[in-house]
C-alpha atoms as a PDB file:
ATOM      1  CA  UNK A   1     135.514 152.145 163.932  1.00  0.00           C
ATOM      2  CA  UNK A   2     132.813 150.886 166.280  1.00  0.00           C
ATOM      3  CA  UNK A   3     131.620 147.493 165.019  1.00  0.00           C
ATOM      4  CA  UNK A   4     128.493 147.644 167.202  1.00  0.00           C
ATOM      5  CA  UNK A   5     129.116 144.220 168.737  1.00  0.00           C
ATOM      6  CA  UNK A   6     128.569 145.222 172.351  1.00  0.00           C
ATOM      7  CA  UNK A   7     126.909 142.355 174.287  1.00  0.00           C
ATOM      8  CA  UNK A   8     126.008 140.488 171.115  1.00  0.00           C
ATOM      9  CA  UNK A   9     126.499 136.727 171.266  1.00  0.00           C
ATOM     10  CA  UNK A  10     128.590 134.791 168.755  1.00  0.00           C
ATOM     11  CA  UNK A  11     129.271 131.058 168.628  1.00  0.00           C
ATOM     12  CA  UNK A  12     132.750 130.114 167.365  1.00  0.00           C
ATOM     13  CA  UNK A  13     133.409 126.454 166.618  1.00  0.00           C
ATOM     14  CA  UNK A  14     137.004 125.337 166.926  1.00  0.00           C
ATOM     15  CA  UNK A  15     137.199 128.521 168.950  1.00  0.00           C
ATOM     16  CA  UNK A  16     140.003 127.581 171.331  1.00  0.00           C
ATOM     17  CA  UNK A  17     142.955 127.265 168.958  1.00  0.00           C
ATOM     18  CA  UNK A  18     144.470 128.852 165.874  1.00  0.00           C
ATOM     19  CA  UNK A  19     142.108 130.860 163.704  1.00  0.00           C
ATOM     20  CA  UNK A  20     139.170 130.106 165.982  1.00  0.00           C
ATOM     21  CA  UNK A  21     140.984 131.418 169.060  1.00  0.00           C
ATOM     22  CA  UNK A  22     141.893 134.619 167.221  1.00  0.00           C
ATOM     23  CA  UNK A  23     138.243 135.076 166.222  1.00  0.00           C
ATOM     24  CA  UNK A  24     137.038 134.462 169.788  1.00  0.00           C
ATOM     25  CA  UNK A  25     139.501 137.024 171.158  1.00  0.00           C
ATOM     26  CA  UNK A  26     138.656 139.626 168.524  1.00  0.00           C
ATOM     27  CA  UNK A  27     134.929 139.297 169.171  1.00  0.00           C
ATOM     28  CA  UNK A  28     135.561 139.931 172.861  1.00  0.00           C
ATOM     29  CA  UNK A  29     137.915 142.836 172.169  1.00  0.00           C
ATOM     30  CA  UNK A  30     135.104 144.461 170.183  1.00  0.00           C
ATOM     31  CA  UNK A  31     132.683 144.099 173.082  1.00  0.00           C
ATOM     32  CA  UNK A  32     130.899 140.961 171.937  1.00  0.00           C
ATOM     33  CA  UNK A  33     130.408 137.718 173.841  1.00  0.00           C
ATOM     34  CA  UNK A  34     132.290 134.725 172.447  1.00  0.00           C
ATOM     35  CA  UNK A  35     130.898 131.243 172.994  1.00  0.00           C
ATOM     36  CA  UNK A  36     133.901 129.016 172.409  1.00  0.00           C
ATOM     37  CA  UNK A  37     133.101 125.531 171.131  1.00  0.00           C
ATOM     38  CA  UNK A  38     135.809 122.879 171.036  1.00  0.00           C
ATOM     39  CA  UNK A  39     136.529 119.260 171.790  1.00  0.00           C
ATOM     40  CA  UNK A  40     139.247 119.901 174.386  1.00  0.00           C
ATOM     41  CA  UNK A  41     137.973 121.132 177.730  1.00  0.00           C
ATOM     42  CA  UNK A  42     141.378 122.333 178.907  1.00  0.00           C
ATOM     43  CA  UNK A  43     141.860 124.389 175.725  1.00  0.00           C
ATOM     44  CA  UNK A  44     138.351 125.827 176.044  1.00  0.00           C
ATOM     45  CA  UNK A  45     138.965 126.848 179.643  1.00  0.00           C
ATOM     46  CA  UNK A  46     142.329 128.404 178.772  1.00  0.00           C
ATOM     47  CA  UNK A  47     141.054 130.677 176.004  1.00  0.00           C
ATOM     48  CA  UNK A  48     137.921 131.619 177.946  1.00  0.00           C
ATOM     49  CA  UNK A  49     139.996 132.549 181.006  1.00  0.00           C
ATOM     50  CA  UNK A  50     142.361 134.604 178.823  1.00  0.00           C
ATOM     51  CA  UNK A  51     139.435 136.560 177.387  1.00  0.00           C
ATOM     52  CA  UNK A  52     137.842 137.182 180.779  1.00  0.00           C
ATOM     53  CA  UNK A  53     141.148 138.239 182.396  1.00  0.00           C
ATOM     54  CA  UNK A  54     141.580 140.734 179.548  1.00  0.00           C
ATOM     55  CA  UNK A  55     138.216 142.279 180.374  1.00  0.00           C
ATOM     56  CA  UNK A  56     136.154 140.477 177.743  1.00  0.00           C
ATOM     57  CA  UNK A  57     133.138 138.231 177.950  1.00  0.00           C
ATOM     58  CA  UNK A  58     133.175 134.566 177.009  1.00  0.00           C
ATOM     59  CA  UNK A  59     131.982 131.103 177.915  1.00  0.00           C
ATOM     60  CA  UNK A  60     132.611 127.679 176.449  1.00  0.00           C
ATOM     61  CA  UNK A  61     130.985 124.420 175.427  1.00  0.00           C
ATOM     62  CA  UNK A  62     133.034 121.242 175.201  1.00  0.00           C
ATOM     63  CA  UNK A  63     131.610 119.190 172.354  1.00  0.00           C
ATOM     64  CA  UNK A  64     132.396 116.732 169.602  1.00  0.00           C
ATOM     65  CA  UNK A  65     130.328 118.152 166.767  1.00  0.00           C
ATOM     66  CA  UNK A  66     129.919 114.916 164.809  1.00  0.00           C
ATOM     67  CA  UNK A  67     126.308 114.358 165.852  1.00  0.00           C
ATOM     68  CA  UNK A  68     123.197 116.498 165.472  1.00  0.00           C
ATOM     69  CA  UNK A  69     122.556 116.092 169.213  1.00  0.00           C
ATOM     70  CA  UNK A  70     125.919 117.658 170.093  1.00  0.00           C
ATOM     71  CA  UNK A  71     125.236 120.588 167.768  1.00  0.00           C
ATOM     72  CA  UNK A  72     121.813 121.052 169.318  1.00  0.00           C
ATOM     73  CA  UNK A  73     123.396 121.126 172.787  1.00  0.00           C
ATOM     74  CA  UNK A  74     125.662 124.001 171.697  1.00  0.00           C
ATOM     75  CA  UNK A  75     122.676 126.046 170.546  1.00  0.00           C
ATOM     76  CA  UNK A  76     120.628 125.146 173.620  1.00  0.00           C
ATOM     77  CA  UNK A  77     123.457 126.147 175.963  1.00  0.00           C
ATOM     78  CA  UNK A  78     123.945 129.481 174.237  1.00  0.00           C
ATOM     79  CA  UNK A  79     120.268 130.387 173.979  1.00  0.00           C
ATOM     80  CA  UNK A  80     119.544 129.402 177.585  1.00  0.00           C
ATOM     81  CA  UNK A  81     122.544 131.278 178.976  1.00  0.00           C
ATOM     82  CA  UNK A  82     122.212 134.470 176.948  1.00  0.00           C
ATOM     83  CA  UNK A  83     118.701 134.440 175.503  1.00  0.00           C
ATOM     84  CA  UNK A  84     119.960 135.297 172.040  1.00  0.00           C
ATOM     85  CA  UNK A  85     122.345 134.345 169.245  1.00  0.00           C
ATOM     86  CA  UNK A  86     123.647 137.081 166.949  1.00  0.00           C
ATOM     87  CA  UNK A  87     126.085 135.124 164.839  1.00  0.00           C
ATOM     88  CA  UNK A  88     127.560 131.729 164.093  1.00  0.00           C
ATOM     89  CA  UNK A  89     131.165 131.188 162.999  1.00  0.00           C
ATOM     90  CA  UNK A  90     131.562 127.732 161.480  1.00  0.00           C
ATOM     91  CA  UNK A  91     135.287 127.101 161.741  1.00  0.00           C
ATOM     92  CA  UNK A  92     136.019 123.631 163.126  1.00  0.00           C
ATOM     93  CA  UNK A  93     137.601 121.158 160.715  1.00  0.00           C
ATOM     94  CA  UNK A  94     140.781 119.326 159.818  1.00  0.00           C
ATOM     95  CA  UNK A  95     142.694 118.562 156.650  1.00  0.00           C
ATOM     96  CA  UNK A  96     142.770 114.816 157.215  1.00  0.00           C
ATOM     97  CA  UNK A  97     144.531 113.663 154.055  1.00  0.00           C
ATOM     98  CA  UNK A  98     141.842 111.336 152.746  1.00  0.00           C
ATOM     99  CA  UNK A  99     142.769 111.162 149.067  1.00  0.00           C
ATOM    100  CA  UNK A 100     141.457 109.299 146.056  1.00  0.00           C
ATOM    101  CA  UNK A 101     144.340 106.856 145.936  1.00  0.00           C
ATOM    102  CA  UNK A 102     145.302 106.890 149.612  1.00  0.00           C
ATOM    103  CA  UNK A 103     141.811 106.590 150.971  1.00  0.00           C
ATOM    104  CA  UNK A 104     138.642 104.565 150.744  1.00  0.00           C
ATOM    105  CA  UNK A 105     134.919 105.195 150.258  1.00  0.00           C
ATOM    106  CA  UNK A 106     134.441 104.749 153.994  1.00  0.00           C
ATOM    107  CA  UNK A 107     137.188 107.233 154.925  1.00  0.00           C
ATOM    108  CA  UNK A 108     135.938 109.717 152.332  1.00  0.00           C
ATOM    109  CA  UNK A 109     132.453 109.646 153.833  1.00  0.00           C
ATOM    110  CA  UNK A 110     133.902 110.016 157.326  1.00  0.00           C
ATOM    111  CA  UNK A 111     135.880 113.050 156.176  1.00  0.00           C
ATOM    112  CA  UNK A 112     132.800 114.673 154.682  1.00  0.00           C
ATOM    113  CA  UNK A 113     130.886 114.018 157.874  1.00  0.00           C
ATOM    114  CA  UNK A 114     133.691 115.364 160.074  1.00  0.00           C
ATOM    115  CA  UNK A 115     134.284 118.547 158.078  1.00  0.00           C
ATOM    116  CA  UNK A 116     130.837 119.430 156.760  1.00  0.00           C
ATOM    117  CA  UNK A 117     127.865 118.074 158.680  1.00  0.00           C
ATOM    118  CA  UNK A 118     128.223 120.337 161.718  1.00  0.00           C
ATOM    119  CA  UNK A 119     128.201 123.444 159.500  1.00  0.00           C
ATOM    120  CA  UNK A 120     124.681 122.536 158.425  1.00  0.00           C
ATOM    121  CA  UNK A 121     123.518 121.207 161.794  1.00  0.00           C
ATOM    122  CA  UNK A 122     124.579 124.254 163.788  1.00  0.00           C
ATOM    123  CA  UNK A 123     123.093 126.656 161.238  1.00  0.00           C
ATOM    124  CA  UNK A 124     119.841 124.684 161.249  1.00  0.00           C
ATOM    125  CA  UNK A 125     119.460 124.745 165.032  1.00  0.00           C
ATOM    126  CA  UNK A 126     120.623 128.352 165.365  1.00  0.00           C
ATOM    127  CA  UNK A 127     118.245 129.624 162.684  1.00  0.00           C
ATOM    128  CA  UNK A 128     115.255 130.527 164.925  1.00  0.00           C
ATOM    129  CA  UNK A 129     117.516 132.727 167.044  1.00  0.00           C
ATOM    130  CA  UNK A 130     119.261 134.261 164.039  1.00  0.00           C
ATOM    131  CA  UNK A 131     115.844 135.184 162.661  1.00  0.00           C
ATOM    132  CA  UNK A 132     115.076 137.042 165.877  1.00  0.00           C
ATOM    133  CA  UNK A 133     118.365 138.941 165.889  1.00  0.00           C
ATOM    134  CA  UNK A 134     118.704 139.333 162.120  1.00  0.00           C
ATOM    135  CA  UNK A 135     122.095 137.839 162.748  1.00  0.00           C
ATOM    136  CA  UNK A 136     124.510 136.242 160.365  1.00  0.00           C
ATOM    137  CA  UNK A 137     126.714 133.273 159.590  1.00  0.00           C
ATOM    138  CA  UNK A 138     130.394 133.340 158.661  1.00  0.00           C
ATOM    139  CA  UNK A 139     131.861 130.101 157.374  1.00  0.00           C
ATOM    140  CA  UNK A 140     135.611 129.538 157.378  1.00  0.00           C
ATOM    141  CA  UNK A 141     136.632 127.763 154.193  1.00  0.00           C
ATOM    142  CA  UNK A 142     139.941 126.956 152.515  1.00  0.00           C
ATOM    143  CA  UNK A 143     141.789 127.787 149.306  1.00  0.00           C
ATOM    144  CA  UNK A 144     141.839 124.003 148.699  1.00  0.00           C
ATOM    145  CA  UNK A 145     138.229 124.330 147.510  1.00  0.00           C
ATOM    146  CA  UNK A 146     139.469 126.492 144.640  1.00  0.00           C
ATOM    147  CA  UNK A 147     143.005 125.323 143.948  1.00  0.00           C
ATOM    148  CA  UNK A 148     143.016 121.658 144.911  1.00  0.00           C
ATOM    149  CA  UNK A 149     145.953 120.291 146.866  1.00  0.00           C
ATOM    150  CA  UNK A 150     146.290 116.596 146.159  1.00  0.00           C
ATOM    151  CA  UNK A 151     145.622 113.658 148.455  1.00  0.00           C
ATOM    152  CA  UNK A 152     142.831 115.353 150.384  1.00  0.00           C
ATOM    153  CA  UNK A 153     139.593 114.578 148.554  1.00  0.00           C
ATOM    154  CA  UNK A 154     137.400 114.598 151.644  1.00  0.00           C
ATOM    155  CA  UNK A 155     138.604 117.965 152.919  1.00  0.00           C
ATOM    156  CA  UNK A 156     138.531 119.569 149.458  1.00  0.00           C
ATOM    157  CA  UNK A 157     134.996 118.316 148.808  1.00  0.00           C
ATOM    158  CA  UNK A 158     133.864 119.600 152.197  1.00  0.00           C
ATOM    159  CA  UNK A 159     135.319 123.039 151.615  1.00  0.00           C
ATOM    160  CA  UNK A 160     133.845 123.182 148.120  1.00  0.00           C
ATOM    161  CA  UNK A 161     130.463 122.343 149.608  1.00  0.00           C
ATOM    162  CA  UNK A 162     130.886 125.123 152.162  1.00  0.00           C
ATOM    163  CA  UNK A 163     131.348 127.641 149.350  1.00  0.00           C
ATOM    164  CA  UNK A 164     128.173 126.338 147.710  1.00  0.00           C
ATOM    165  CA  UNK A 165     126.200 126.384 150.960  1.00  0.00           C
ATOM    166  CA  UNK A 166     127.273 129.965 151.580  1.00  0.00           C
ATOM    167  CA  UNK A 167     125.568 131.080 148.369  1.00  0.00           C
ATOM    168  CA  UNK A 168     122.592 128.751 148.921  1.00  0.00           C
ATOM    169  CA  UNK A 169     121.963 129.940 152.474  1.00  0.00           C
ATOM    170  CA  UNK A 170     122.469 133.579 151.498  1.00  0.00           C
ATOM    171  CA  UNK A 171     119.604 133.174 149.024  1.00  0.00           C
ATOM    172  CA  UNK A 172     117.346 131.167 151.326  1.00  0.00           C
ATOM    173  CA  UNK A 173     117.771 133.551 154.244  1.00  0.00           C
ATOM    174  CA  UNK A 174     117.231 136.814 152.353  1.00  0.00           C
ATOM    175  CA  UNK A 175     113.644 137.139 153.658  1.00  0.00           C
ATOM    176  CA  UNK A 176     114.961 137.188 157.231  1.00  0.00           C
ATOM    177  CA  UNK A 177     117.777 139.707 156.654  1.00  0.00           C
ATOM    178  CA  UNK A 178     120.298 137.068 157.685  1.00  0.00           C
ATOM    179  CA  UNK A 179     123.642 137.454 155.924  1.00  0.00           C
ATOM    180  CA  UNK A 180     125.926 134.521 155.062  1.00  0.00           C
ATOM    181  CA  UNK A 181     129.548 134.828 153.941  1.00  0.00           C
ATOM    182  CA  UNK A 182     132.721 132.762 153.807  1.00  0.00           C
ATOM    183  CA  UNK A 183     136.266 133.775 154.679  1.00  0.00           C
ATOM    184  CA  UNK A 184     138.760 131.719 152.753  1.00  0.00           C
ATOM    185  CA  UNK A 185     142.324 131.451 154.115  1.00  0.00           C
ATOM    186  CA  UNK A 186     145.301 129.972 152.296  1.00  0.00           C
ATOM    187  CA  UNK A 187     148.585 129.711 154.221  1.00  0.00           C
ATOM    188  CA  UNK A 188     147.992 130.632 157.867  1.00  0.00           C
ATOM    189  CA  UNK A 189     150.401 129.885 160.704  1.00  0.00           C
ATOM    190  CA  UNK A 190     148.421 127.902 163.284  1.00  0.00           C
ATOM    191  CA  UNK A 191     149.278 125.046 165.679  1.00  0.00           C
ATOM    192  CA  UNK A 192     147.868 122.545 163.154  1.00  0.00           C
ATOM    193  CA  UNK A 193     149.952 124.053 160.366  1.00  0.00           C
ATOM    194  CA  UNK A 194     153.062 123.957 162.530  1.00  0.00           C
ATOM    195  CA  UNK A 195     152.451 120.293 163.338  1.00  0.00           C
ATOM    196  CA  UNK A 196     152.093 119.519 159.639  1.00  0.00           C
ATOM    197  CA  UNK A 197     155.297 121.354 158.687  1.00  0.00           C
ATOM    198  CA  UNK A 198     157.231 119.636 161.442  1.00  0.00           C
ATOM    199  CA  UNK A 199     156.039 116.227 160.238  1.00  0.00           C
ATOM    200  CA  UNK A 200     157.870 116.697 156.909  1.00  0.00           C
ATOM    201  CA  UNK A 201     161.449 115.527 156.224  1.00  0.00           C
ATOM    202  CA  UNK A 202     162.819 119.068 155.750  1.00  0.00           C
ATOM    203  CA  UNK A 203     160.356 121.371 157.525  1.00  0.00           C
ATOM    204  CA  UNK A 204     162.419 124.572 157.382  1.00  0.00           C
ATOM    205  CA  UNK A 205     163.113 124.190 153.670  1.00  0.00           C
ATOM    206  CA  UNK A 206     159.467 123.384 152.902  1.00  0.00           C
ATOM    207  CA  UNK A 207     158.243 126.393 154.871  1.00  0.00           C
ATOM    208  CA  UNK A 208     160.628 128.691 153.012  1.00  0.00           C
ATOM    209  CA  UNK A 209     159.344 127.333 149.676  1.00  0.00           C
ATOM    210  CA  UNK A 210     155.729 128.008 150.663  1.00  0.00           C
ATOM    211  CA  UNK A 211     156.350 131.506 152.003  1.00  0.00           C
ATOM    212  CA  UNK A 212     158.291 132.447 148.862  1.00  0.00           C
ATOM    213  CA  UNK A 213     155.113 131.843 146.812  1.00  0.00           C
ATOM    214  CA  UNK A 214     152.908 134.214 148.820  1.00  0.00           C
ATOM    215  CA  UNK A 215     152.810 137.398 146.702  1.00  0.00           C
ATOM    216  CA  UNK A 216     152.054 140.004 149.361  1.00  0.00           C
ATOM    217  CA  UNK A 217     155.111 140.648 151.543  1.00  0.00           C
ATOM    218  CA  UNK A 218     156.317 137.049 151.177  1.00  0.00           C
ATOM    219  CA  UNK A 219     154.806 136.056 154.498  1.00  0.00           C
ATOM    220  CA  UNK A 220     152.049 133.871 155.834  1.00  0.00           C
ATOM    221  CA  UNK A 221     148.682 135.265 156.790  1.00  0.00           C
ATOM    222  CA  UNK A 222     148.210 135.602 160.542  1.00  0.00           C
ATOM    223  CA  UNK A 223     145.262 134.140 162.405  1.00  0.00           C
ATOM    224  CA  UNK A 224     144.482 137.671 163.551  1.00  0.00           C
ATOM    225  CA  UNK A 225     144.113 138.852 159.952  1.00  0.00           C
ATOM    226  CA  UNK A 226     141.548 136.105 159.329  1.00  0.00           C
ATOM    227  CA  UNK A 227     139.817 137.098 162.560  1.00  0.00           C
ATOM    228  CA  UNK A 228     139.648 140.776 161.604  1.00  0.00           C
ATOM    229  CA  UNK A 229     137.811 139.996 158.371  1.00  0.00           C
ATOM    230  CA  UNK A 230     135.531 137.496 160.081  1.00  0.00           C
ATOM    231  CA  UNK A 231     134.513 139.883 162.839  1.00  0.00           C
ATOM    232  CA  UNK A 232     133.973 142.698 160.354  1.00  0.00           C
ATOM    233  CA  UNK A 233     131.557 140.424 158.481  1.00  0.00           C
ATOM    234  CA  UNK A 234     129.789 139.610 161.751  1.00  0.00           C
ATOM    235  CA  UNK A 235     129.274 143.307 162.397  1.00  0.00           C
ATOM    236  CA  UNK A 236     126.701 145.770 161.142  1.00  0.00           C
ATOM    237  CA  UNK A 237     129.521 147.599 159.364  1.00  0.00           C
ATOM    238  CA  UNK A 238     129.189 144.984 156.612  1.00  0.00           C
ATOM    239  CA  UNK A 239     125.411 145.248 156.587  1.00  0.00           C
ATOM    240  CA  UNK A 240     124.955 144.871 152.801  1.00  0.00           C
ATOM    241  CA  UNK A 241     127.453 142.076 152.242  1.00  0.00           C
ATOM    242  CA  UNK A 242     126.075 138.581 151.761  1.00  0.00           C
ATOM    243  CA  UNK A 243     126.779 135.516 149.648  1.00  0.00           C
ATOM    244  CA  UNK A 244     130.436 136.472 149.338  1.00  0.00           C
ATOM    245  CA  UNK A 245     133.554 134.315 149.423  1.00  0.00           C
ATOM    246  CA  UNK A 246     136.370 136.559 150.592  1.00  0.00           C
ATOM    247  CA  UNK A 247     139.994 135.527 150.184  1.00  0.00           C
ATOM    248  CA  UNK A 248     142.300 136.686 152.980  1.00  0.00           C
ATOM    249  CA  UNK A 249     145.515 135.175 151.674  1.00  0.00           C
ATOM    250  CA  UNK A 250     148.045 137.798 150.596  1.00  0.00           C
ATOM    251  CA  UNK A 251     147.109 137.109 146.967  1.00  0.00           C
ATOM    252  CA  UNK A 252     148.160 133.467 147.202  1.00  0.00           C
ATOM    253  CA  UNK A 253     145.149 131.999 145.418  1.00  0.00           C
ATOM    254  CA  UNK A 254     144.707 134.409 142.530  1.00  0.00           C
ATOM    255  CA  UNK A 255     147.893 136.350 141.856  1.00  0.00           C
ATOM    256  CA  UNK A 256     150.717 135.034 139.729  1.00  0.00           C
ATOM    257  CA  UNK A 257     153.084 133.280 142.121  1.00  0.00           C
ATOM    258  CA  UNK A 258     156.069 134.203 139.964  1.00  0.00           C
ATOM    259  CA  UNK A 259     155.705 137.777 141.262  1.00  0.00           C
END
């Protein structure tokens, strides 16, 4: 299936590692141009070089996305280099463990700012270019917004807000034929996930417990499976899909885990 992404330009935040890296690579494999945005220059260079050596097209922006100015720089770089923006993938974020009991009002606000503000800021600054291209936005969320997790109020609130903004933006941007959707992962094996597992007292046992509760094939979702859905939503092959929150999780969120 041709996704019609040839030479179209897509910004991917957190695009150098984990789910973001898989999305960047898949965009390039489908003929699109991936603009990788991340805080680590070495990681950005590595993934961009990998894409180019494989015959794809990519560039990168090293940025801390905590300020509106940094978000504006990402959009300015992309628009000046390519003259267009066809899609924005809001992916960057971290489950920082700011809970109700083990947290504070200050840390909660910081978590919201860290995990949410750049989703809005990048969409705001990209909007004039998305209007021109009739492009679209794909937000990467989390099952935590639906299930809760415990001890992560800031992250859960941010991801819940992302679900709400997806529907809000889908409505607001209807007149411009700009589509907005969210892909919602559950248990995905990424470098961050591996670091978290390895920080626990019995990592192997904990991982086995988690995997046993994933209904479909008793395995974790791969970053590539998240990427495939994301890139499909970016493409014209999903041209009448907007305002949707799609769960790519092997049934983890909704199916009976006793299965």
